ModelCIF file with pLDDT and N, C-alpha, C, O atoms, coordinates in Angstrom:
data_MODEL
#
_entry.id   MODEL 
#
_entity.id                         1 
_entity.type                       polymer 
_entity.pdbx_number_of_molecules   1 
#
_entity_poly.entity_id                      1 
_entity_poly.type                           'polypeptide(L)' 
_entity_poly.nstd_linkage                   no 
_entity_poly.nstd_monomer                   no 
_entity_poly.pdbx_seq_one_letter_code       
;(UNK)(UNK)(UNK)(UNK)(UNK)(UNK)(UNK)(UNK)(UNK)(UNK)(UNK)(UNK)(UNK)(UNK)(UNK)(UNK)
(UNK)(UNK)(UNK)(UNK)(UNK)(UNK)(UNK)(UNK)(UNK)(UNK)(UNK)(UNK)(UNK)(UNK)(UNK)(UNK)
(UNK)(UNK)(UNK)(UNK)(UNK)(UNK)(UNK)(UNK)
;
_entity_poly.pdbx_seq_one_letter_code_can   XXXXXXXXXXXXXXXXXXXXXXXXXXXXXXXXXXXXXXXX 
_entity_poly.pdbx_strand_id                 A 
#
loop_
_entity_poly_seq.entity_id 
_entity_poly_seq.num 
_entity_poly_seq.mon_id 
_entity_poly_seq.hetero 
1 1  UNK n 
1 2  UNK n 
1 3  UNK n 
1 4  UNK n 
1 5  UNK n 
1 6  UNK n 
1 7  UNK n 
1 8  UNK n 
1 9  UNK n 
1 10 UNK n 
1 11 UNK n 
1 12 UNK n 
1 13 UNK n 
1 14 UNK n 
1 15 UNK n 
1 16 UNK n 
1 17 UNK n 
1 18 UNK n 
1 19 UNK n 
1 20 UNK n 
1 21 UNK n 
1 22 UNK n 
1 23 UNK n 
1 24 UNK n 
1 25 UNK n 
1 26 UNK n 
1 27 UNK n 
1 28 UNK n 
1 29 UNK n 
1 30 UNK n 
1 31 UNK n 
1 32 UNK n 
1 33 UNK n 
1 34 UNK n 
1 35 UNK n 
1 36 UNK n 
1 37 UNK n 
1 38 UNK n 
1 39 UNK n 
1 40 UNK n 
#
_struct_asym.id          A 
_struct_asym.entity_id   1 
#
loop_
_ma_qa_metric.id 
_ma_qa_metric.mode 
_ma_qa_metric.name 
_ma_qa_metric.software_group_id 
_ma_qa_metric.type 
1 global pLDDT . pLDDT 
2 local  pLDDT . pLDDT 
#
_ma_qa_metric_global.metric_id      1 
_ma_qa_metric_global.metric_value   96.85 
_ma_qa_metric_global.model_id       1 
_ma_qa_metric_global.ordinal_id     1 
#
loop_
_ma_qa_metric_local.label_asym_id 
_ma_qa_metric_local.label_comp_id 
_ma_qa_metric_local.label_seq_id 
_ma_qa_metric_local.metric_id 
_ma_qa_metric_local.metric_value 
_ma_qa_metric_local.model_id 
_ma_qa_metric_local.ordinal_id 
A UNK 1  2 97.00 1 1  
A UNK 2  2 97.00 1 2  
A UNK 3  2 97.00 1 3  
A UNK 4  2 97.00 1 4  
A UNK 5  2 97.00 1 5  
A UNK 6  2 96.00 1 6  
A UNK 7  2 96.00 1 7  
A UNK 8  2 97.00 1 8  
A UNK 9  2 97.00 1 9  
A UNK 10 2 96.00 1 10 
A UNK 11 2 96.00 1 11 
A UNK 12 2 97.00 1 12 
A UNK 13 2 96.00 1 13 
A UNK 14 2 95.00 1 14 
A UNK 15 2 96.00 1 15 
A UNK 16 2 96.00 1 16 
A UNK 17 2 96.00 1 17 
A UNK 18 2 96.00 1 18 
A UNK 19 2 97.00 1 19 
A UNK 20 2 97.00 1 20 
A UNK 21 2 97.00 1 21 
A UNK 22 2 98.00 1 22 
A UNK 23 2 98.00 1 23 
A UNK 24 2 98.00 1 24 
A UNK 25 2 98.00 1 25 
A UNK 26 2 98.00 1 26 
A UNK 27 2 97.00 1 27 
A UNK 28 2 97.00 1 28 
A UNK 29 2 97.00 1 29 
A UNK 30 2 96.00 1 30 
A UNK 31 2 96.00 1 31 
A UNK 32 2 96.00 1 32 
A UNK 33 2 96.00 1 33 
A UNK 34 2 97.00 1 34 
A UNK 35 2 97.00 1 35 
A UNK 36 2 97.00 1 36 
A UNK 37 2 98.00 1 37 
A UNK 38 2 98.00 1 38 
A UNK 39 2 98.00 1 39 
A UNK 40 2 98.00 1 40 
#
loop_
_atom_site.group_PDB 
_atom_site.id 
_atom_site.type_symbol 
_atom_site.label_atom_id 
_atom_site.label_alt_id 
_atom_site.label_comp_id 
_atom_site.label_asym_id 
_atom_site.label_entity_id 
_atom_site.label_seq_id 
_atom_site.pdbx_PDB_ins_code 
_atom_site.Cartn_x 
_atom_site.Cartn_y 
_atom_site.Cartn_z 
_atom_site.occupancy 
_atom_site.B_iso_or_equiv 
_atom_site.pdbx_formal_charge 
_atom_site.auth_seq_id 
_atom_site.auth_comp_id 
_atom_site.auth_asym_id 
_atom_site.auth_atom_id 
_atom_site.pdbx_PDB_model_num 
ATOM 1   N N  . UNK A 1 1  ? 13.540 -57.283 -47.488 1.00 97.00 ? 1  UNK A N  1 
ATOM 2   C CA . UNK A 1 1  ? 12.565 -55.907 -47.738 1.00 97.00 ? 1  UNK A CA 1 
ATOM 3   C C  . UNK A 1 1  ? 12.848 -54.872 -46.714 1.00 97.00 ? 1  UNK A C  1 
ATOM 4   O O  . UNK A 1 1  ? 13.131 -53.724 -47.057 1.00 97.00 ? 1  UNK A O  1 
ATOM 5   N N  . UNK A 1 2  ? 12.780 -55.247 -45.412 1.00 97.00 ? 2  UNK A N  1 
ATOM 6   C CA . UNK A 1 2  ? 12.920 -54.177 -44.448 1.00 97.00 ? 2  UNK A CA 1 
ATOM 7   C C  . UNK A 1 2  ? 14.404 -53.349 -44.666 1.00 97.00 ? 2  UNK A C  1 
ATOM 8   O O  . UNK A 1 2  ? 14.502 -52.126 -44.569 1.00 97.00 ? 2  UNK A O  1 
ATOM 9   N N  . UNK A 1 3  ? 15.493 -54.237 -44.969 1.00 97.00 ? 3  UNK A N  1 
ATOM 10  C CA . UNK A 1 3  ? 16.758 -53.475 -45.033 1.00 97.00 ? 3  UNK A CA 1 
ATOM 11  C C  . UNK A 1 3  ? 16.661 -52.873 -46.235 1.00 97.00 ? 3  UNK A C  1 
ATOM 12  O O  . UNK A 1 3  ? 17.187 -51.760 -46.226 1.00 97.00 ? 3  UNK A O  1 
ATOM 13  N N  . UNK A 1 4  ? 16.133 -53.224 -47.382 1.00 97.00 ? 4  UNK A N  1 
ATOM 14  C CA . UNK A 1 4  ? 16.152 -52.532 -48.613 1.00 97.00 ? 4  UNK A CA 1 
ATOM 15  C C  . UNK A 1 4  ? 15.461 -51.076 -48.241 1.00 97.00 ? 4  UNK A C  1 
ATOM 16  O O  . UNK A 1 4  ? 15.988 -50.010 -48.559 1.00 97.00 ? 4  UNK A O  1 
ATOM 17  N N  . UNK A 1 5  ? 14.248 -51.173 -47.545 1.00 97.00 ? 5  UNK A N  1 
ATOM 18  C CA . UNK A 1 5  ? 13.618 -49.818 -47.360 1.00 97.00 ? 5  UNK A CA 1 
ATOM 19  C C  . UNK A 1 5  ? 14.274 -48.993 -46.488 1.00 97.00 ? 5  UNK A C  1 
ATOM 20  O O  . UNK A 1 5  ? 14.134 -47.777 -46.618 1.00 97.00 ? 5  UNK A O  1 
ATOM 21  N N  . UNK A 1 6  ? 14.998 -49.464 -45.581 1.00 96.00 ? 6  UNK A N  1 
ATOM 22  C CA . UNK A 1 6  ? 15.965 -48.711 -44.549 1.00 96.00 ? 6  UNK A CA 1 
ATOM 23  C C  . UNK A 1 6  ? 16.955 -47.814 -45.561 1.00 96.00 ? 6  UNK A C  1 
ATOM 24  O O  . UNK A 1 6  ? 17.096 -46.594 -45.477 1.00 96.00 ? 6  UNK A O  1 
ATOM 25  N N  . UNK A 1 7  ? 17.535 -48.590 -46.425 1.00 96.00 ? 7  UNK A N  1 
ATOM 26  C CA . UNK A 1 7  ? 18.685 -47.877 -47.149 1.00 96.00 ? 7  UNK A CA 1 
ATOM 27  C C  . UNK A 1 7  ? 18.073 -46.821 -48.063 1.00 96.00 ? 7  UNK A C  1 
ATOM 28  O O  . UNK A 1 7  ? 18.560 -45.695 -48.165 1.00 96.00 ? 7  UNK A O  1 
ATOM 29  N N  . UNK A 1 8  ? 17.039 -47.203 -48.694 1.00 97.00 ? 8  UNK A N  1 
ATOM 30  C CA . UNK A 1 8  ? 16.356 -46.442 -49.765 1.00 97.00 ? 8  UNK A CA 1 
ATOM 31  C C  . UNK A 1 8  ? 15.694 -45.030 -49.061 1.00 97.00 ? 8  UNK A C  1 
ATOM 32  O O  . UNK A 1 8  ? 15.773 -43.939 -49.627 1.00 97.00 ? 8  UNK A O  1 
ATOM 33  N N  . UNK A 1 9  ? 15.083 -45.208 -47.847 1.00 97.00 ? 9  UNK A N  1 
ATOM 34  C CA . UNK A 1 9  ? 14.737 -44.055 -46.849 1.00 97.00 ? 9  UNK A CA 1 
ATOM 35  C C  . UNK A 1 9  ? 15.975 -43.196 -46.599 1.00 97.00 ? 9  UNK A C  1 
ATOM 36  O O  . UNK A 1 9  ? 15.808 -41.986 -46.744 1.00 97.00 ? 9  UNK A O  1 
ATOM 37  N N  . UNK A 1 10 ? 17.133 -43.602 -46.264 1.00 96.00 ? 10 UNK A N  1 
ATOM 38  C CA . UNK A 1 10 ? 18.280 -42.933 -45.966 1.00 96.00 ? 10 UNK A CA 1 
ATOM 39  C C  . UNK A 1 10 ? 18.686 -42.271 -47.250 1.00 96.00 ? 10 UNK A C  1 
ATOM 40  O O  . UNK A 1 10 ? 19.021 -41.095 -47.113 1.00 96.00 ? 10 UNK A O  1 
ATOM 41  N N  . UNK A 1 11 ? 18.734 -42.783 -48.530 1.00 96.00 ? 11 UNK A N  1 
ATOM 42  C CA . UNK A 1 11 ? 18.985 -42.114 -49.623 1.00 96.00 ? 11 UNK A CA 1 
ATOM 43  C C  . UNK A 1 11 ? 17.917 -40.970 -49.925 1.00 96.00 ? 11 UNK A C  1 
ATOM 44  O O  . UNK A 1 11 ? 18.214 -39.857 -50.358 1.00 96.00 ? 11 UNK A O  1 
ATOM 45  N N  . UNK A 1 12 ? 16.589 -41.427 -49.622 1.00 97.00 ? 12 UNK A N  1 
ATOM 46  C CA . UNK A 1 12 ? 15.639 -40.366 -49.960 1.00 97.00 ? 12 UNK A CA 1 
ATOM 47  C C  . UNK A 1 12 ? 16.028 -38.962 -49.061 1.00 97.00 ? 12 UNK A C  1 
ATOM 48  O O  . UNK A 1 12 ? 15.965 -37.853 -49.591 1.00 97.00 ? 12 UNK A O  1 
ATOM 49  N N  . UNK A 1 13 ? 16.383 -39.123 -47.828 1.00 96.00 ? 13 UNK A N  1 
ATOM 50  C CA . UNK A 1 13 ? 16.872 -37.980 -47.098 1.00 96.00 ? 13 UNK A CA 1 
ATOM 51  C C  . UNK A 1 13 ? 17.950 -37.161 -47.742 1.00 96.00 ? 13 UNK A C  1 
ATOM 52  O O  . UNK A 1 13 ? 18.071 -35.978 -47.427 1.00 96.00 ? 13 UNK A O  1 
ATOM 53  N N  . UNK A 1 14 ? 18.769 -37.741 -48.659 1.00 95.00 ? 14 UNK A N  1 
ATOM 54  C CA . UNK A 1 14 ? 19.833 -36.988 -49.224 1.00 95.00 ? 14 UNK A CA 1 
ATOM 55  C C  . UNK A 1 14 ? 19.297 -36.511 -50.742 1.00 95.00 ? 14 UNK A C  1 
ATOM 56  O O  . UNK A 1 14 ? 19.739 -35.488 -51.263 1.00 95.00 ? 14 UNK A O  1 
ATOM 57  N N  . UNK A 1 15 ? 18.487 -37.202 -51.271 1.00 96.00 ? 15 UNK A N  1 
ATOM 58  C CA . UNK A 1 15 ? 18.099 -36.923 -52.560 1.00 96.00 ? 15 UNK A CA 1 
ATOM 59  C C  . UNK A 1 15 ? 16.443 -36.909 -52.585 1.00 96.00 ? 15 UNK A C  1 
ATOM 60  O O  . UNK A 1 15 ? 15.812 -37.677 -53.311 1.00 96.00 ? 15 UNK A O  1 
ATOM 61  N N  . UNK A 1 16 ? 15.947 -36.151 -51.893 1.00 96.00 ? 16 UNK A N  1 
ATOM 62  C CA . UNK A 1 16 ? 14.511 -36.042 -51.933 1.00 96.00 ? 16 UNK A CA 1 
ATOM 63  C C  . UNK A 1 16 ? 13.687 -36.046 -53.124 1.00 96.00 ? 16 UNK A C  1 
ATOM 64  O O  . UNK A 1 16 ? 12.514 -36.413 -53.052 1.00 96.00 ? 16 UNK A O  1 
ATOM 65  N N  . UNK A 1 17 ? 14.251 -35.635 -54.307 1.00 96.00 ? 17 UNK A N  1 
ATOM 66  C CA . UNK A 1 17 ? 13.681 -35.393 -55.532 1.00 96.00 ? 17 UNK A CA 1 
ATOM 67  C C  . UNK A 1 17 ? 14.011 -36.459 -56.657 1.00 96.00 ? 17 UNK A C  1 
ATOM 68  O O  . UNK A 1 17 ? 13.710 -36.284 -57.838 1.00 96.00 ? 17 UNK A O  1 
ATOM 69  N N  . UNK A 1 18 ? 14.693 -37.636 -56.147 1.00 96.00 ? 18 UNK A N  1 
ATOM 70  C CA . UNK A 1 18 ? 15.165 -38.586 -57.164 1.00 96.00 ? 18 UNK A CA 1 
ATOM 71  C C  . UNK A 1 18 ? 13.875 -39.573 -57.609 1.00 96.00 ? 18 UNK A C  1 
ATOM 72  O O  . UNK A 1 18 ? 13.309 -40.267 -56.764 1.00 96.00 ? 18 UNK A O  1 
ATOM 73  N N  . UNK A 1 19 ? 13.544 -39.566 -58.764 1.00 97.00 ? 19 UNK A N  1 
ATOM 74  C CA . UNK A 1 19 ? 12.387 -40.169 -59.326 1.00 97.00 ? 19 UNK A CA 1 
ATOM 75  C C  . UNK A 1 19 ? 12.659 -41.738 -59.162 1.00 97.00 ? 19 UNK A C  1 
ATOM 76  O O  . UNK A 1 19 ? 11.717 -42.494 -58.925 1.00 97.00 ? 19 UNK A O  1 
ATOM 77  N N  . UNK A 1 20 ? 13.787 -42.142 -59.275 1.00 97.00 ? 20 UNK A N  1 
ATOM 78  C CA . UNK A 1 20 ? 14.207 -43.700 -58.970 1.00 97.00 ? 20 UNK A CA 1 
ATOM 79  C C  . UNK A 1 20 ? 14.058 -44.119 -57.663 1.00 97.00 ? 20 UNK A C  1 
ATOM 80  O O  . UNK A 1 20 ? 13.410 -45.129 -57.391 1.00 97.00 ? 20 UNK A O  1 
ATOM 81  N N  . UNK A 1 21 ? 14.656 -43.365 -56.746 1.00 97.00 ? 21 UNK A N  1 
ATOM 82  C CA . UNK A 1 21 ? 14.286 -43.512 -55.540 1.00 97.00 ? 21 UNK A CA 1 
ATOM 83  C C  . UNK A 1 21 ? 12.786 -43.583 -54.893 1.00 97.00 ? 21 UNK A C  1 
ATOM 84  O O  . UNK A 1 21 ? 12.407 -44.526 -54.198 1.00 97.00 ? 21 UNK A O  1 
ATOM 85  N N  . UNK A 1 22 ? 12.132 -42.643 -55.167 1.00 98.00 ? 22 UNK A N  1 
ATOM 86  C CA . UNK A 1 22 ? 10.657 -42.743 -54.901 1.00 98.00 ? 22 UNK A CA 1 
ATOM 87  C C  . UNK A 1 22 ? 9.957  -43.888 -55.340 1.00 98.00 ? 22 UNK A C  1 
ATOM 88  O O  . UNK A 1 22 ? 9.190  -44.526 -54.618 1.00 98.00 ? 22 UNK A O  1 
ATOM 89  N N  . UNK A 1 23 ? 10.260 -44.204 -56.738 1.00 98.00 ? 23 UNK A N  1 
ATOM 90  C CA . UNK A 1 23 ? 9.700  -45.486 -57.248 1.00 98.00 ? 23 UNK A CA 1 
ATOM 91  C C  . UNK A 1 23 ? 10.089 -46.758 -56.541 1.00 98.00 ? 23 UNK A C  1 
ATOM 92  O O  . UNK A 1 23 ? 9.304  -47.695 -56.399 1.00 98.00 ? 23 UNK A O  1 
ATOM 93  N N  . UNK A 1 24 ? 11.328 -46.757 -56.103 1.00 98.00 ? 24 UNK A N  1 
ATOM 94  C CA . UNK A 1 24 ? 11.632 -47.977 -55.608 1.00 98.00 ? 24 UNK A CA 1 
ATOM 95  C C  . UNK A 1 24 ? 11.194 -48.215 -54.230 1.00 98.00 ? 24 UNK A C  1 
ATOM 96  O O  . UNK A 1 24 ? 11.045 -49.356 -53.793 1.00 98.00 ? 24 UNK A O  1 
ATOM 97  N N  . UNK A 1 25 ? 10.950 -46.986 -53.428 1.00 98.00 ? 25 UNK A N  1 
ATOM 98  C CA . UNK A 1 25 ? 10.225 -47.038 -52.221 1.00 98.00 ? 25 UNK A CA 1 
ATOM 99  C C  . UNK A 1 25 ? 8.715  -47.435 -52.244 1.00 98.00 ? 25 UNK A C  1 
ATOM 100 O O  . UNK A 1 25 ? 8.130  -48.137 -51.419 1.00 98.00 ? 25 UNK A O  1 
ATOM 101 N N  . UNK A 1 26 ? 8.179  -46.806 -53.422 1.00 98.00 ? 26 UNK A N  1 
ATOM 102 C CA . UNK A 1 26 ? 6.672  -47.317 -53.636 1.00 98.00 ? 26 UNK A CA 1 
ATOM 103 C C  . UNK A 1 26 ? 6.579  -48.770 -53.921 1.00 98.00 ? 26 UNK A C  1 
ATOM 104 O O  . UNK A 1 26 ? 5.710  -49.523 -53.481 1.00 98.00 ? 26 UNK A O  1 
ATOM 105 N N  . UNK A 1 27 ? 7.570  -49.086 -54.706 1.00 97.00 ? 27 UNK A N  1 
ATOM 106 C CA . UNK A 1 27 ? 7.596  -50.668 -55.102 1.00 97.00 ? 27 UNK A CA 1 
ATOM 107 C C  . UNK A 1 27 ? 7.745  -51.531 -53.909 1.00 97.00 ? 27 UNK A C  1 
ATOM 108 O O  . UNK A 1 27 ? 7.141  -52.601 -53.828 1.00 97.00 ? 27 UNK A O  1 
ATOM 109 N N  . UNK A 1 28 ? 8.529  -51.097 -52.987 1.00 97.00 ? 28 UNK A N  1 
ATOM 110 C CA . UNK A 1 28 ? 8.901  -51.814 -51.802 1.00 97.00 ? 28 UNK A CA 1 
ATOM 111 C C  . UNK A 1 28 ? 7.477  -51.961 -50.766 1.00 97.00 ? 28 UNK A C  1 
ATOM 112 O O  . UNK A 1 28 ? 7.142  -52.946 -50.108 1.00 97.00 ? 28 UNK A O  1 
ATOM 113 N N  . UNK A 1 29 ? 6.838  -50.717 -50.871 1.00 97.00 ? 29 UNK A N  1 
ATOM 114 C CA . UNK A 1 29 ? 5.589  -50.795 -50.006 1.00 97.00 ? 29 UNK A CA 1 
ATOM 115 C C  . UNK A 1 29 ? 4.676  -51.499 -50.670 1.00 97.00 ? 29 UNK A C  1 
ATOM 116 O O  . UNK A 1 29 ? 3.776  -51.923 -49.944 1.00 97.00 ? 29 UNK A O  1 
ATOM 117 N N  . UNK A 1 30 ? 4.575  -51.835 -52.061 1.00 96.00 ? 30 UNK A N  1 
ATOM 118 C CA . UNK A 1 30 ? 3.822  -52.663 -52.857 1.00 96.00 ? 30 UNK A CA 1 
ATOM 119 C C  . UNK A 1 30 ? 4.072  -54.019 -52.389 1.00 96.00 ? 30 UNK A C  1 
ATOM 120 O O  . UNK A 1 30 ? 3.180  -54.794 -52.046 1.00 96.00 ? 30 UNK A O  1 
ATOM 121 N N  . UNK A 1 31 ? 5.380  -54.292 -52.388 1.00 96.00 ? 31 UNK A N  1 
ATOM 122 C CA . UNK A 1 31 ? 5.762  -55.786 -52.080 1.00 96.00 ? 31 UNK A CA 1 
ATOM 123 C C  . UNK A 1 31 ? 5.240  -56.072 -50.519 1.00 96.00 ? 31 UNK A C  1 
ATOM 124 O O  . UNK A 1 31 ? 4.756  -57.160 -50.208 1.00 96.00 ? 31 UNK A O  1 
ATOM 125 N N  . UNK A 1 32 ? 5.375  -55.117 -49.698 1.00 96.00 ? 32 UNK A N  1 
ATOM 126 C CA . UNK A 1 32 ? 5.008  -55.289 -48.215 1.00 96.00 ? 32 UNK A CA 1 
ATOM 127 C C  . UNK A 1 32 ? 3.256  -55.470 -48.187 1.00 96.00 ? 32 UNK A C  1 
ATOM 128 O O  . UNK A 1 32 ? 2.684  -55.738 -47.130 1.00 96.00 ? 32 UNK A O  1 
ATOM 129 N N  . UNK A 1 33 ? 2.630  -55.316 -49.272 1.00 96.00 ? 33 UNK A N  1 
ATOM 130 C CA . UNK A 1 33 ? 1.369  -55.115 -49.158 1.00 96.00 ? 33 UNK A CA 1 
ATOM 131 C C  . UNK A 1 33 ? 0.537  -54.035 -48.535 1.00 96.00 ? 33 UNK A C  1 
ATOM 132 O O  . UNK A 1 33 ? -0.571 -54.157 -48.012 1.00 96.00 ? 33 UNK A O  1 
ATOM 133 N N  . UNK A 1 34 ? 1.314  -52.884 -48.692 1.00 97.00 ? 34 UNK A N  1 
ATOM 134 C CA . UNK A 1 34 ? 0.925  -51.589 -47.953 1.00 97.00 ? 34 UNK A CA 1 
ATOM 135 C C  . UNK A 1 34 ? 0.494  -50.661 -48.925 1.00 97.00 ? 34 UNK A C  1 
ATOM 136 O O  . UNK A 1 34 ? 1.230  -49.712 -49.195 1.00 97.00 ? 34 UNK A O  1 
ATOM 137 N N  . UNK A 1 35 ? -0.790 -50.826 -49.589 1.00 97.00 ? 35 UNK A N  1 
ATOM 138 C CA . UNK A 1 35 ? -1.079 -50.024 -50.859 1.00 97.00 ? 35 UNK A CA 1 
ATOM 139 C C  . UNK A 1 35 ? -1.173 -48.571 -50.569 1.00 97.00 ? 35 UNK A C  1 
ATOM 140 O O  . UNK A 1 35 ? -0.914 -47.817 -51.507 1.00 97.00 ? 35 UNK A O  1 
ATOM 141 N N  . UNK A 1 36 ? -1.559 -47.962 -49.220 1.00 97.00 ? 36 UNK A N  1 
ATOM 142 C CA . UNK A 1 36 ? -1.879 -46.654 -48.888 1.00 97.00 ? 36 UNK A CA 1 
ATOM 143 C C  . UNK A 1 36 ? -0.419 -46.051 -48.933 1.00 97.00 ? 36 UNK A C  1 
ATOM 144 O O  . UNK A 1 36 ? -0.272 -44.915 -49.384 1.00 97.00 ? 36 UNK A O  1 
ATOM 145 N N  . UNK A 1 37 ? 0.777  -46.853 -48.432 1.00 98.00 ? 37 UNK A N  1 
ATOM 146 C CA . UNK A 1 37 ? 1.982  -46.069 -48.496 1.00 98.00 ? 37 UNK A CA 1 
ATOM 147 C C  . UNK A 1 37 ? 2.448  -46.314 -50.088 1.00 98.00 ? 37 UNK A C  1 
ATOM 148 O O  . UNK A 1 37 ? 3.181  -45.457 -50.582 1.00 98.00 ? 37 UNK A O  1 
ATOM 149 N N  . UNK A 1 38 ? 2.178  -47.082 -50.633 1.00 98.00 ? 38 UNK A N  1 
ATOM 150 C CA . UNK A 1 38 ? 2.644  -47.142 -52.058 1.00 98.00 ? 38 UNK A CA 1 
ATOM 151 C C  . UNK A 1 38 ? 2.186  -45.975 -52.868 1.00 98.00 ? 38 UNK A C  1 
ATOM 152 O O  . UNK A 1 38 ? 2.928  -45.323 -53.602 1.00 98.00 ? 38 UNK A O  1 
ATOM 153 N N  . UNK A 1 39 ? 0.738  -45.726 -52.662 1.00 98.00 ? 39 UNK A N  1 
ATOM 154 C CA . UNK A 1 39 ? 0.078  -44.785 -53.340 1.00 98.00 ? 39 UNK A CA 1 
ATOM 155 C C  . UNK A 1 39 ? 0.711  -43.316 -52.808 1.00 98.00 ? 39 UNK A C  1 
ATOM 156 O O  . UNK A 1 39 ? 0.949  -42.452 -53.651 1.00 98.00 ? 39 UNK A O  1 
ATOM 157 N N  . UNK A 1 40 ? 0.947  -43.090 -51.532 1.00 98.00 ? 40 UNK A N  1 
ATOM 158 C CA . UNK A 1 40 ? 1.593  -42.012 -50.983 1.00 98.00 ? 40 UNK A CA 1 
ATOM 159 C C  . UNK A 1 40 ? 2.908  -41.552 -51.884 1.00 98.00 ? 40 UNK A C  1 
ATOM 160 O O  . UNK A 1 40 ? 3.598  -40.597 -51.526 1.00 98.00 ? 40 UNK A O  1 
#
């Protein structure tokens, strides 16, 4: 999960408005049981 998040955050820096990337990052925070970040 940590590595997945690293790569998706790098991608978010390149594509800040990509709906798929935003969704996957939120999903990973949900898996990490961090609901506040998932909501953000």
